[in-house]
Amino acid sequence: MRPEILDQPGYTSIATADAPTRELFPGIRLRPLWRGADGAHANVLEMDPGTAFPRHDVHNPGPEEVFVVAGVFNDGARDYPAGSFIHAPAGSWHIPTTVTGCTLFLFYPAG
């Protein structure tokens, strides 16, 4: 083992279960995992079965990267099962919804 790896500046880890939870909408929870000095950030989004964002989710100031960890995510146009990746460019939008429930890993490289 090389414990000095963990002492490197900026090296960070967190268990998803230990991340604070904020309810965005009924049945939809955001767990922030990391935020960089430049505004980039990573989150886990948990959506209960039958939930949807009540409005368009617009990607600004930059793109959104989505990885479906569990369940089936729908962007308002099609279903994405676990293991799917979506790149949504800056200025694009979707309406997150799920019939089955899902867990998403979200990364915002530009904040």
PDB file of N, CA and C in Angstrom:
ATOM      1  N   MET A   1       0.844  -1.191   0.000  1.00  0.00           N
ATOM      2  CA  MET A   1       0.000   0.000   0.000  1.00  0.00           C
ATOM      3  C   MET A   1       0.879   1.241   0.000  1.00  0.00           C
ATOM      4  N   ARG A   2       0.376   2.264  -0.632  1.00  0.00           N
ATOM      5  CA  ARG A   2       1.097   3.531  -0.740  1.00  0.00           C
ATOM      6  C   ARG A   2       0.213   4.650  -0.201  1.00  0.00           C
ATOM      7  N   PRO A   3       0.116   4.811   1.132  1.00  0.00           N
ATOM      8  CA  PRO A   3      -0.786   5.814   1.708  1.00  0.00           C
ATOM      9  C   PRO A   3      -0.447   7.247   1.307  1.00  0.00           C
ATOM     10  N   GLU A   4       0.766   7.514   0.862  1.00  0.00           N
ATOM     11  CA  GLU A   4       1.125   8.878   0.448  1.00  0.00           C
ATOM     12  C   GLU A   4       0.325   9.328  -0.779  1.00  0.00           C
ATOM     13  N   ILE A   5      -0.260   8.374  -1.486  1.00  0.00           N
ATOM     14  CA  ILE A   5      -1.132   8.729  -2.611  1.00  0.00           C
ATOM     15  C   ILE A   5      -2.251   9.646  -2.133  1.00  0.00           C
ATOM     16  N   LEU A   6      -2.803   9.345  -0.965  1.00  0.00           N
ATOM     17  CA  LEU A   6      -3.933  10.112  -0.430  1.00  0.00           C
ATOM     18  C   LEU A   6      -3.533  11.497   0.053  1.00  0.00           C
ATOM     19  N   ASP A   7      -2.241  11.750   0.226  1.00  0.00           N
ATOM     20  CA  ASP A   7      -1.765  13.048   0.712  1.00  0.00           C
ATOM     21  C   ASP A   7      -1.468  14.033  -0.413  1.00  0.00           C
ATOM     22  N   GLN A   8      -1.658  13.625  -1.652  1.00  0.00           N
ATOM     23  CA  GLN A   8      -1.382  14.512  -2.776  1.00  0.00           C
ATOM     24  C   GLN A   8      -2.406  15.646  -2.823  1.00  0.00           C
ATOM     25  N   PRO A   9      -1.950  16.875  -3.099  1.00  0.00           N
ATOM     26  CA  PRO A   9      -2.876  18.009  -3.177  1.00  0.00           C
ATOM     27  C   PRO A   9      -3.999  17.742  -4.184  1.00  0.00           C
ATOM     28  N   GLY A  10      -5.227  17.958  -3.746  1.00  0.00           N
ATOM     29  CA  GLY A  10      -6.386  17.805  -4.607  1.00  0.00           C
ATOM     30  C   GLY A  10      -6.928  16.402  -4.735  1.00  0.00           C
ATOM     31  N   TYR A  11      -6.198  15.409  -4.235  1.00  0.00           N
ATOM     32  CA  TYR A  11      -6.668  14.018  -4.307  1.00  0.00           C
ATOM     33  C   TYR A  11      -7.816  13.864  -3.335  1.00  0.00           C
ATOM     34  N   THR A  12      -8.988  13.504  -3.816  1.00  0.00           N
ATOM     35  CA  THR A  12     -10.209  13.502  -3.008  1.00  0.00           C
ATOM     36  C   THR A  12     -11.015  12.239  -3.253  1.00  0.00           C
ATOM     37  N   SER A  13     -11.669  11.768  -2.218  1.00  0.00           N
ATOM     38  CA  SER A  13     -12.607  10.656  -2.373  1.00  0.00           C
ATOM     39  C   SER A  13     -13.757  10.844  -1.395  1.00  0.00           C
ATOM     40  N   ILE A  14     -14.890  10.258  -1.752  1.00  0.00           N
ATOM     41  CA  ILE A  14     -16.061  10.296  -0.877  1.00  0.00           C
ATOM     42  C   ILE A  14     -16.957   9.107  -1.238  1.00  0.00           C
ATOM     43  N   ALA A  15     -17.548   8.504  -0.236  1.00  0.00           N
ATOM     44  CA  ALA A  15     -18.552   7.471  -0.478  1.00  0.00           C
ATOM     45  C   ALA A  15     -19.870   8.177  -0.791  1.00  0.00           C
ATOM     46  N   THR A  16     -20.559   7.727  -1.808  1.00  0.00           N
ATOM     47  CA  THR A  16     -21.823   8.359  -2.184  1.00  0.00           C
ATOM     48  C   THR A  16     -22.773   8.453  -0.993  1.00  0.00           C
ATOM     49  N   ALA A  17     -22.816   7.414  -0.174  1.00  0.00           N
ATOM     50  CA  ALA A  17     -23.712   7.413   0.988  1.00  0.00           C
ATOM     51  C   ALA A  17     -23.348   8.500   1.999  1.00  0.00           C
ATOM     52  N   ASP A  18     -22.112   8.968   1.980  1.00  0.00           N
ATOM     53  CA  ASP A  18     -21.666  10.014   2.909  1.00  0.00           C
ATOM     54  C   ASP A  18     -21.846  11.422   2.345  1.00  0.00           C
ATOM     55  N   ALA A  19     -22.172  11.532   1.073  1.00  0.00           N
ATOM     56  CA  ALA A  19     -22.354  12.852   0.460  1.00  0.00           C
ATOM     57  C   ALA A  19     -23.663  13.467   0.953  1.00  0.00           C
ATOM     58  N   PRO A  20     -23.664  14.776   1.188  1.00  0.00           N
ATOM     59  CA  PRO A  20     -24.926  15.416   1.602  1.00  0.00           C
ATOM     60  C   PRO A  20     -25.983  15.262   0.523  1.00  0.00           C
ATOM     61  N   THR A  21     -27.230  15.201   0.941  1.00  0.00           N
ATOM     62  CA  THR A  21     -28.332  15.006   0.002  1.00  0.00           C
ATOM     63  C   THR A  21     -29.208  16.252  -0.023  1.00  0.00           C
ATOM     64  N   ARG A  22     -29.507  16.715  -1.243  1.00  0.00           N
ATOM     65  CA  ARG A  22     -30.411  17.855  -1.401  1.00  0.00           C
ATOM     66  C   ARG A  22     -31.532  17.430  -2.335  1.00  0.00           C
ATOM     67  N   GLU A  23     -32.776  17.577  -1.888  1.00  0.00           N
ATOM     68  CA  GLU A  23     -33.914  17.229  -2.740  1.00  0.00           C
ATOM     69  C   GLU A  23     -34.167  18.386  -3.704  1.00  0.00           C
ATOM     70  N   LEU A  24     -34.003  18.112  -5.004  1.00  0.00           N
ATOM     71  CA  LEU A  24     -34.248  19.131  -6.026  1.00  0.00           C
ATOM     72  C   LEU A  24     -35.728  19.294  -6.305  1.00  0.00           C
ATOM     73  N   PHE A  25     -36.400  18.149  -6.445  1.00  0.00           N
ATOM     74  CA  PHE A  25     -37.835  18.074  -6.684  1.00  0.00           C
ATOM     75  C   PHE A  25     -38.319  16.844  -5.938  1.00  0.00           C
ATOM     76  N   PRO A  26     -39.613  16.682  -5.693  1.00  0.00           N
ATOM     77  CA  PRO A  26     -40.083  15.492  -4.980  1.00  0.00           C
ATOM     78  C   PRO A  26     -39.573  14.203  -5.646  1.00  0.00           C
ATOM     79  N   GLY A  27     -38.863  13.387  -4.872  1.00  0.00           N
ATOM     80  CA  GLY A  27     -38.347  12.106  -5.358  1.00  0.00           C
ATOM     81  C   GLY A  27     -37.068  12.190  -6.178  1.00  0.00           C
ATOM     82  N   ILE A  28     -36.476  13.392  -6.272  1.00  0.00           N
ATOM     83  CA  ILE A  28     -35.234  13.581  -7.043  1.00  0.00           C
ATOM     84  C   ILE A  28     -34.207  14.243  -6.144  1.00  0.00           C
ATOM     85  N   ARG A  29     -33.104  13.520  -5.900  1.00  0.00           N
ATOM     86  CA  ARG A  29     -32.087  13.962  -4.951  1.00  0.00           C
ATOM     87  C   ARG A  29     -30.727  14.112  -5.617  1.00  0.00           C
ATOM     88  N   LEU A  30     -30.011  15.164  -5.214  1.00  0.00           N
ATOM     89  CA  LEU A  30     -28.670  15.425  -5.707  1.00  0.00           C
ATOM     90  C   LEU A  30     -27.674  15.218  -4.575  1.00  0.00           C
ATOM     91  N   ARG A  31     -26.585  14.503  -4.879  1.00  0.00           N
ATOM     92  CA  ARG A  31     -25.507  14.288  -3.915  1.00  0.00           C
ATOM     93  C   ARG A  31     -24.217  14.845  -4.516  1.00  0.00           C
ATOM     94  N   PRO A  32     -23.772  16.030  -4.081  1.00  0.00           N
ATOM     95  CA  PRO A  32     -22.517  16.577  -4.588  1.00  0.00           C
ATOM     96  C   PRO A  32     -21.334  15.727  -4.110  1.00  0.00           C
ATOM     97  N   LEU A  33     -20.444  15.392  -5.038  1.00  0.00           N
ATOM     98  CA  LEU A  33     -19.281  14.565  -4.710  1.00  0.00           C
ATOM     99  C   LEU A  33     -17.981  15.356  -4.694  1.00  0.00           C
ATOM    100  N   TRP A  34     -17.853  16.308  -5.614  1.00  0.00           N
ATOM    101  CA  TRP A  34     -16.588  17.036  -5.761  1.00  0.00           C
ATOM    102  C   TRP A  34     -16.818  18.332  -6.501  1.00  0.00           C
ATOM    103  N   ARG A  35     -16.034  19.363  -6.138  1.00  0.00           N
ATOM    104  CA  ARG A  35     -16.043  20.635  -6.870  1.00  0.00           C
ATOM    105  C   ARG A  35     -14.601  21.100  -6.996  1.00  0.00           C
ATOM    106  N   GLY A  36     -14.181  21.401  -8.220  1.00  0.00           N
ATOM    107  CA  GLY A  36     -12.831  21.897  -8.470  1.00  0.00           C
ATOM    108  C   GLY A  36     -12.765  23.402  -8.342  1.00  0.00           C
ATOM    109  N   ALA A  37     -11.556  23.902  -8.237  1.00  0.00           N
ATOM    110  CA  ALA A  37     -11.343  25.341  -8.098  1.00  0.00           C
ATOM    111  C   ALA A  37     -11.852  26.108  -9.315  1.00  0.00           C
ATOM    112  N   ASP A  38     -11.881  25.455 -10.486  1.00  0.00           N
ATOM    113  CA  ASP A  38     -12.328  26.113 -11.712  1.00  0.00           C
ATOM    114  C   ASP A  38     -13.836  26.021 -11.945  1.00  0.00           C
ATOM    115  N   GLY A  39     -14.565  25.423 -10.985  1.00  0.00           N
ATOM    116  CA  GLY A  39     -16.019  25.297 -11.100  1.00  0.00           C
ATOM    117  C   GLY A  39     -16.494  23.944 -11.591  1.00  0.00           C
ATOM    118  N   ALA A  40     -15.602  23.143 -12.172  1.00  0.00           N
ATOM    119  CA  ALA A  40     -15.995  21.793 -12.579  1.00  0.00           C
ATOM    120  C   ALA A  40     -16.529  21.063 -11.349  1.00  0.00           C
ATOM    121  N   HIS A  41     -17.525  20.193 -11.553  1.00  0.00           N
ATOM    122  CA  HIS A  41     -18.053  19.452 -10.404  1.00  0.00           C
ATOM    123  C   HIS A  41     -18.674  18.134 -10.836  1.00  0.00           C
ATOM    124  N   ALA A  42     -18.782  17.235  -9.852  1.00  0.00           N
ATOM    125  CA  ALA A  42     -19.338  15.901 -10.065  1.00  0.00           C
ATOM    126  C   ALA A  42     -20.405  15.640  -9.019  1.00  0.00           C
ATOM    127  N   ASN A  43     -21.499  14.994  -9.443  1.00  0.00           N
ATOM    128  CA  ASN A  43     -22.627  14.701  -8.566  1.00  0.00           C
ATOM    129  C   ASN A  43     -23.188  13.322  -8.865  1.00  0.00           C
ATOM    130  N   VAL A  44     -23.958  12.827  -7.927  1.00  0.00           N
ATOM    131  CA  VAL A  44     -24.823  11.677  -8.178  1.00  0.00           C
ATOM    132  C   VAL A  44     -26.246  12.198  -8.077  1.00  0.00           C
ATOM    133  N   LEU A  45     -27.077  11.813  -9.051  1.00  0.00           N
ATOM    134  CA  LEU A  45     -28.484  12.174  -9.042  1.00  0.00           C
ATOM    135  C   LEU A  45     -29.292  10.896  -8.885  1.00  0.00           C
ATOM    136  N   GLU A  46     -30.181  10.875  -7.913  1.00  0.00           N
ATOM    137  CA  GLU A  46     -31.052   9.727  -7.663  1.00  0.00           C
ATOM    138  C   GLU A  46     -32.485  10.133  -7.972  1.00  0.00           C
ATOM    139  N   MET A  47     -33.134   9.344  -8.821  1.00  0.00           N
ATOM    140  CA  MET A  47     -34.518   9.626  -9.195  1.00  0.00           C
ATOM    141  C   MET A  47     -35.372   8.422  -8.831  1.00  0.00           C
ATOM    142  N   ASP A  48     -36.405   8.653  -8.039  1.00  0.00           N
ATOM    143  CA  ASP A  48     -37.334   7.582  -7.672  1.00  0.00           C
ATOM    144  C   ASP A  48     -38.181   7.186  -8.878  1.00  0.00           C
ATOM    145  N   PRO A  49     -38.749   5.977  -8.875  1.00  0.00           N
ATOM    146  CA  PRO A  49     -39.623   5.558  -9.971  1.00  0.00           C
ATOM    147  C   PRO A  49     -40.750   6.566 -10.199  1.00  0.00           C
ATOM    148  N   GLY A  50     -41.012   6.849 -11.475  1.00  0.00           N
ATOM    149  CA  GLY A  50     -42.122   7.720 -11.833  1.00  0.00           C
ATOM    150  C   GLY A  50     -41.876   9.202 -11.642  1.00  0.00           C
ATOM    151  N   THR A  51     -40.608   9.623 -11.489  1.00  0.00           N
ATOM    152  CA  THR A  51     -40.337  11.050 -11.281  1.00  0.00           C
ATOM    153  C   THR A  51     -39.835  11.709 -12.559  1.00  0.00           C
ATOM    154  N   ALA A  52     -39.973  13.043 -12.593  1.00  0.00           N
ATOM    155  CA  ALA A  52     -39.513  13.831 -13.739  1.00  0.00           C
ATOM    156  C   ALA A  52     -39.226  15.255 -13.278  1.00  0.00           C
ATOM    157  N   PHE A  53     -38.275  15.896 -13.938  1.00  0.00           N
ATOM    158  CA  PHE A  53     -38.050  17.314 -13.706  1.00  0.00           C
ATOM    159  C   PHE A  53     -39.300  18.057 -14.182  1.00  0.00           C
ATOM    160  N   PRO A  54     -39.719  19.102 -13.488  1.00  0.00           N
ATOM    161  CA  PRO A  54     -40.927  19.827 -13.886  1.00  0.00           C
ATOM    162  C   PRO A  54     -40.697  20.834 -15.017  1.00  0.00           C
ATOM    163  N   ARG A  55     -39.446  20.953 -15.466  1.00  0.00           N
ATOM    164  CA  ARG A  55     -39.128  21.926 -16.522  1.00  0.00           C
ATOM    165  C   ARG A  55     -37.883  21.454 -17.282  1.00  0.00           C
ATOM    166  N   HIS A  56     -37.535  22.185 -18.324  1.00  0.00           N
ATOM    167  CA  HIS A  56     -36.324  21.894 -19.089  1.00  0.00           C
ATOM    168  C   HIS A  56     -35.098  22.032 -18.188  1.00  0.00           C
ATOM    169  N   ASP A  57     -34.147  21.125 -18.341  1.00  0.00           N
ATOM    170  CA  ASP A  57     -32.846  21.192 -17.667  1.00  0.00           C
ATOM    171  C   ASP A  57     -31.855  21.675 -18.716  1.00  0.00           C
ATOM    172  N   VAL A  58     -31.474  22.956 -18.640  1.00  0.00           N
ATOM    173  CA  VAL A  58     -30.600  23.581 -19.633  1.00  0.00           C
ATOM    174  C   VAL A  58     -29.159  23.503 -19.154  1.00  0.00           C
ATOM    175  N   HIS A  59     -28.255  23.149 -20.054  1.00  0.00           N
ATOM    176  CA  HIS A  59     -26.854  22.942 -19.703  1.00  0.00           C
ATOM    177  C   HIS A  59     -26.030  24.190 -19.977  1.00  0.00           C
ATOM    178  N   ASN A  60     -25.826  24.965 -18.934  1.00  0.00           N
ATOM    179  CA  ASN A  60     -25.036  26.190 -18.989  1.00  0.00           C
ATOM    180  C   ASN A  60     -24.249  26.321 -17.706  1.00  0.00           C
ATOM    181  N   PRO A  61     -23.042  26.785 -17.695  1.00  0.00           N
ATOM    182  CA  PRO A  61     -22.346  27.430 -18.800  1.00  0.00           C
ATOM    183  C   PRO A  61     -21.656  26.449 -19.753  1.00  0.00           C
ATOM    184  N   GLY A  62     -21.618  25.189 -19.409  1.00  0.00           N
ATOM    185  CA  GLY A  62     -20.928  24.212 -20.254  1.00  0.00           C
ATOM    186  C   GLY A  62     -21.716  22.932 -20.397  1.00  0.00           C
ATOM    187  N   PRO A  63     -21.073  21.892 -20.908  1.00  0.00           N
ATOM    188  CA  PRO A  63     -21.749  20.626 -21.157  1.00  0.00           C
ATOM    189  C   PRO A  63     -22.033  19.840 -19.879  1.00  0.00           C
ATOM    190  N   GLU A  64     -22.880  18.846 -20.038  1.00  0.00           N
ATOM    191  CA  GLU A  64     -23.172  17.899 -18.964  1.00  0.00           C
ATOM    192  C   GLU A  64     -22.830  16.504 -19.491  1.00  0.00           C
ATOM    193  N   GLU A  65     -22.091  15.744 -18.681  1.00  0.00           N
ATOM    194  CA  GLU A  65     -21.764  14.358 -18.997  1.00  0.00           C
ATOM    195  C   GLU A  65     -22.576  13.488 -18.043  1.00  0.00           C
ATOM    196  N   VAL A  66     -23.309  12.513 -18.583  1.00  0.00           N
ATOM    197  CA  VAL A  66     -24.188  11.662 -17.781  1.00  0.00           C
ATOM    198  C   VAL A  66     -23.802  10.203 -17.992  1.00  0.00           C
ATOM    199  N   PHE A  67     -23.629   9.483 -16.897  1.00  0.00           N
ATOM    200  CA  PHE A  67     -23.438   8.037 -16.957  1.00  0.00           C
ATOM    201  C   PHE A  67     -24.540   7.404 -16.121  1.00  0.00           C
ATOM    202  N   VAL A  68     -25.326   6.507 -16.716  1.00  0.00           N
ATOM    203  CA  VAL A  68     -26.423   5.849 -16.013  1.00  0.00           C
ATOM    204  C   VAL A  68     -25.835   4.679 -15.217  1.00  0.00           C
ATOM    205  N   VAL A  69     -25.834   4.824 -13.902  1.00  0.00           N
ATOM    206  CA  VAL A  69     -25.261   3.818 -13.006  1.00  0.00           C
ATOM    207  C   VAL A  69     -26.227   2.656 -12.798  1.00  0.00           C
ATOM    208  N   ALA A  70     -27.504   2.990 -12.583  1.00  0.00           N
ATOM    209  CA  ALA A  70     -28.520   1.966 -12.319  1.00  0.00           C
ATOM    210  C   ALA A  70     -29.861   2.444 -12.836  1.00  0.00           C
ATOM    211  N   GLY A  71     -30.743   1.502 -13.162  1.00  0.00           N
ATOM    212  CA  GLY A  71     -32.084   1.830 -13.630  1.00  0.00           C
ATOM    213  C   GLY A  71     -32.099   2.253 -15.079  1.00  0.00           C
ATOM    214  N   VAL A  72     -33.160   2.976 -15.451  1.00  0.00           N
ATOM    215  CA  VAL A  72     -33.329   3.462 -16.819  1.00  0.00           C
ATOM    216  C   VAL A  72     -33.669   4.951 -16.749  1.00  0.00           C
ATOM    217  N   PHE A  73     -32.846   5.755 -17.406  1.00  0.00           N
ATOM    218  CA  PHE A  73     -33.027   7.199 -17.479  1.00  0.00           C
ATOM    219  C   PHE A  73     -33.660   7.543 -18.824  1.00  0.00           C
ATOM    220  N   ASN A  74     -34.532   8.535 -18.844  1.00  0.00           N
ATOM    221  CA  ASN A  74     -35.115   9.025 -20.076  1.00  0.00           C
ATOM    222  C   ASN A  74     -34.879  10.524 -20.125  1.00  0.00           C
ATOM    223  N   ASP A  75     -34.380  11.028 -21.259  1.00  0.00           N
ATOM    224  CA  ASP A  75     -34.094  12.455 -21.395  1.00  0.00           C
ATOM    225  C   ASP A  75     -35.262  13.245 -21.983  1.00  0.00           C
ATOM    226  N   GLY A  76     -36.414  12.588 -22.128  1.00  0.00           N
ATOM    227  CA  GLY A  76     -37.571  13.215 -22.752  1.00  0.00           C
ATOM    228  C   GLY A  76     -37.735  12.764 -24.191  1.00  0.00           C
ATOM    229  N   ALA A  77     -36.708  12.076 -24.720  1.00  0.00           N
ATOM    230  CA  ALA A  77     -36.759  11.597 -26.093  1.00  0.00           C
ATOM    231  C   ALA A  77     -36.585  10.089 -26.193  1.00  0.00           C
ATOM    232  N   ARG A  78     -35.733   9.509 -25.309  1.00  0.00           N
ATOM    233  CA  ARG A  78     -35.511   8.062 -25.372  1.00  0.00           C
ATOM    234  C   ARG A  78     -34.996   7.549 -24.045  1.00  0.00           C
ATOM    235  N   ASP A  79     -35.066   6.230 -23.878  1.00  0.00           N
ATOM    236  CA  ASP A  79     -34.573   5.555 -22.674  1.00  0.00           C
ATOM    237  C   ASP A  79     -33.086   5.234 -22.808  1.00  0.00           C
ATOM    238  N   TYR A  80     -32.386   5.330 -21.673  1.00  0.00           N
ATOM    239  CA  TYR A  80     -30.975   4.964 -21.572  1.00  0.00           C
ATOM    240  C   TYR A  80     -30.826   4.013 -20.393  1.00  0.00           C
ATOM    241  N   PRO A  81     -30.553   2.746 -20.635  1.00  0.00           N
ATOM    242  CA  PRO A  81     -30.394   1.781 -19.542  1.00  0.00           C
ATOM    243  C   PRO A  81     -29.042   1.944 -18.844  1.00  0.00           C
ATOM    244  N   ALA A  82     -28.897   1.284 -17.708  1.00  0.00           N
ATOM    245  CA  ALA A  82     -27.638   1.298 -16.966  1.00  0.00           C
ATOM    246  C   ALA A  82     -26.485   0.973 -17.905  1.00  0.00           C
ATOM    247  N   GLY A  83     -25.393   1.706 -17.761  1.00  0.00           N
ATOM    248  CA  GLY A  83     -24.226   1.538 -18.613  1.00  0.00           C
ATOM    249  C   GLY A  83     -24.177   2.534 -19.759  1.00  0.00           C
ATOM    250  N   SER A  84     -25.233   3.328 -19.944  1.00  0.00           N
ATOM    251  CA  SER A  84     -25.276   4.314 -21.030  1.00  0.00           C
ATOM    252  C   SER A  84     -24.538   5.592 -20.644  1.00  0.00           C
ATOM    253  N   PHE A  85     -23.975   6.249 -21.659  1.00  0.00           N
ATOM    254  CA  PHE A  85     -23.307   7.544 -21.489  1.00  0.00           C
ATOM    255  C   PHE A  85     -23.979   8.549 -22.414  1.00  0.00           C
ATOM    256  N   ILE A  86     -24.159   9.767 -21.908  1.00  0.00           N
ATOM    257  CA  ILE A  86     -24.756  10.851 -22.690  1.00  0.00           C
ATOM    258  C   ILE A  86     -23.869  12.083 -22.536  1.00  0.00           C
ATOM    259  N   HIS A  87     -23.552  12.727 -23.636  1.00  0.00           N
ATOM    260  CA  HIS A  87     -22.884  14.025 -23.625  1.00  0.00           C
ATOM    261  C   HIS A  87     -23.903  15.043 -24.111  1.00  0.00           C
ATOM    262  N   ALA A  88     -24.219  16.014 -23.275  1.00  0.00           N
ATOM    263  CA  ALA A  88     -25.152  17.077 -23.640  1.00  0.00           C
ATOM    264  C   ALA A  88     -24.347  18.377 -23.739  1.00  0.00           C
ATOM    265  N   PRO A  89     -24.177  18.926 -24.941  1.00  0.00           N
ATOM    266  CA  PRO A  89     -23.341  20.110 -25.108  1.00  0.00           C
ATOM    267  C   PRO A  89     -23.933  21.352 -24.437  1.00  0.00           C
ATOM    268  N   ALA A  90     -23.074  22.317 -24.200  1.00  0.00           N
ATOM    269  CA  ALA A  90     -23.506  23.588 -23.609  1.00  0.00           C
ATOM    270  C   ALA A  90     -24.653  24.172 -24.421  1.00  0.00           C
ATOM    271  N   GLY A  91     -25.683  24.644 -23.728  1.00  0.00           N
ATOM    272  CA  GLY A  91     -26.842  25.245 -24.370  1.00  0.00           C
ATOM    273  C   GLY A  91     -27.941  24.263 -24.728  1.00  0.00           C
ATOM    274  N   SER A  92     -27.642  22.960 -24.682  1.00  0.00           N
ATOM    275  CA  SER A  92     -28.679  21.972 -24.972  1.00  0.00           C
ATOM    276  C   SER A  92     -29.567  21.787 -23.748  1.00  0.00           C
ATOM    277  N   TRP A  93     -30.652  21.068 -23.926  1.00  0.00           N
ATOM    278  CA  TRP A  93     -31.580  20.836 -22.811  1.00  0.00           C
ATOM    279  C   TRP A  93     -32.209  19.465 -22.956  1.00  0.00           C
ATOM    280  N   HIS A  94     -32.751  18.994 -21.850  1.00  0.00           N
ATOM    281  CA  HIS A  94     -33.565  17.779 -21.835  1.00  0.00           C
ATOM    282  C   HIS A  94     -34.518  17.864 -20.655  1.00  0.00           C
ATOM    283  N   ILE A  95     -35.402  16.876 -20.553  1.00  0.00           N
ATOM    284  CA  ILE A  95     -36.340  16.827 -19.428  1.00  0.00           C
ATOM    285  C   ILE A  95     -36.133  15.472 -18.754  1.00  0.00           C
ATOM    286  N   PRO A  96     -35.265  15.425 -17.719  1.00  0.00           N
ATOM    287  CA  PRO A  96     -34.979  14.158 -17.054  1.00  0.00           C
ATOM    288  C   PRO A  96     -36.231  13.514 -16.468  1.00  0.00           C
ATOM    289  N   THR A  97     -36.402  12.230 -16.758  1.00  0.00           N
ATOM    290  CA  THR A  97     -37.538  11.467 -16.259  1.00  0.00           C
ATOM    291  C   THR A  97     -37.142  10.002 -16.150  1.00  0.00           C
ATOM    292  N   THR A  98     -37.879   9.246 -15.361  1.00  0.00           N
ATOM    293  CA  THR A  98     -37.653   7.811 -15.258  1.00  0.00           C
ATOM    294  C   THR A  98     -38.941   7.114 -14.851  1.00  0.00           C
ATOM    295  N   VAL A  99     -39.203   5.989 -15.443  1.00  0.00           N
ATOM    296  CA  VAL A  99     -40.333   5.147 -15.062  1.00  0.00           C
ATOM    297  C   VAL A  99     -39.900   4.199 -13.946  1.00  0.00           C
ATOM    298  N   THR A 100     -38.694   3.631 -14.096  1.00  0.00           N
ATOM    299  CA  THR A 100     -38.202   2.594 -13.180  1.00  0.00           C
ATOM    300  C   THR A 100     -37.451   3.119 -11.977  1.00  0.00           C
ATOM    301  N   GLY A 101     -37.005   4.386 -12.049  1.00  0.00           N
ATOM    302  CA  GLY A 101     -36.060   4.918 -11.087  1.00  0.00           C
ATOM    303  C   GLY A 101     -34.667   4.773 -11.671  1.00  0.00           C
ATOM    304  N   CYS A 102     -33.754   5.655 -11.278  1.00  0.00           N
ATOM    305  CA  CYS A 102     -32.387   5.554 -11.778  1.00  0.00           C
ATOM    306  C   CYS A 102     -31.424   6.313 -10.888  1.00  0.00           C
ATOM    307  N   THR A 103     -30.166   5.950 -11.044  1.00  0.00           N
ATOM    308  CA  THR A 103     -29.048   6.643 -10.396  1.00  0.00           C
ATOM    309  C   THR A 103     -28.103   7.062 -11.501  1.00  0.00           C
ATOM    310  N   LEU A 104     -27.746   8.344 -11.506  1.00  0.00           N
ATOM    311  CA  LEU A 104     -26.886   8.907 -12.536  1.00  0.00           C
ATOM    312  C   LEU A 104     -25.628   9.497 -11.926  1.00  0.00           C
ATOM    313  N   PHE A 105     -24.490   9.344 -12.612  1.00  0.00           N
ATOM    314  CA  PHE A 105     -23.290  10.096 -12.288  1.00  0.00           C
ATOM    315  C   PHE A 105     -23.233  11.255 -13.263  1.00  0.00           C
ATOM    316  N   LEU A 106     -23.140  12.477 -12.736  1.00  0.00           N
ATOM    317  CA  LEU A 106     -23.135  13.693 -13.554  1.00  0.00           C
ATOM    318  C   LEU A 106     -21.803  14.395 -13.399  1.00  0.00           C
ATOM    319  N   PHE A 107     -21.226  14.833 -14.525  1.00  0.00           N
ATOM    320  CA  PHE A 107     -19.985  15.603 -14.481  1.00  0.00           C
ATOM    321  C   PHE A 107     -20.155  16.842 -15.327  1.00  0.00           C
ATOM    322  N   TYR A 108     -19.744  17.973 -14.770  1.00  0.00           N
ATOM    323  CA  TYR A 108     -19.817  19.266 -15.439  1.00  0.00           C
ATOM    324  C   TYR A 108     -18.395  19.812 -15.549  1.00  0.00           C
ATOM    325  N   PRO A 109     -17.722  19.589 -16.670  1.00  0.00           N
ATOM    326  CA  PRO A 109     -16.326  20.000 -16.787  1.00  0.00           C
ATOM    327  C   PRO A 109     -16.114  21.507 -16.785  1.00  0.00           C
ATOM    328  N   ALA A 110     -17.125  22.277 -17.155  1.00  0.00           N
ATOM    329  CA  ALA A 110     -16.990  23.737 -17.218  1.00  0.00           C
ATOM    330  C   ALA A 110     -17.767  24.437 -16.105  1.00  0.00           C
ATOM    331  N   GLY A 111     -18.258  23.695 -15.163  1.00  0.00           N
ATOM    332  CA  GLY A 111     -19.018  24.299 -14.077  1.00  0.00           C
ATOM    333  C   GLY A 111     -20.499  24.296 -14.311  1.00  0.00           C
TER     334      GLY A 111
END
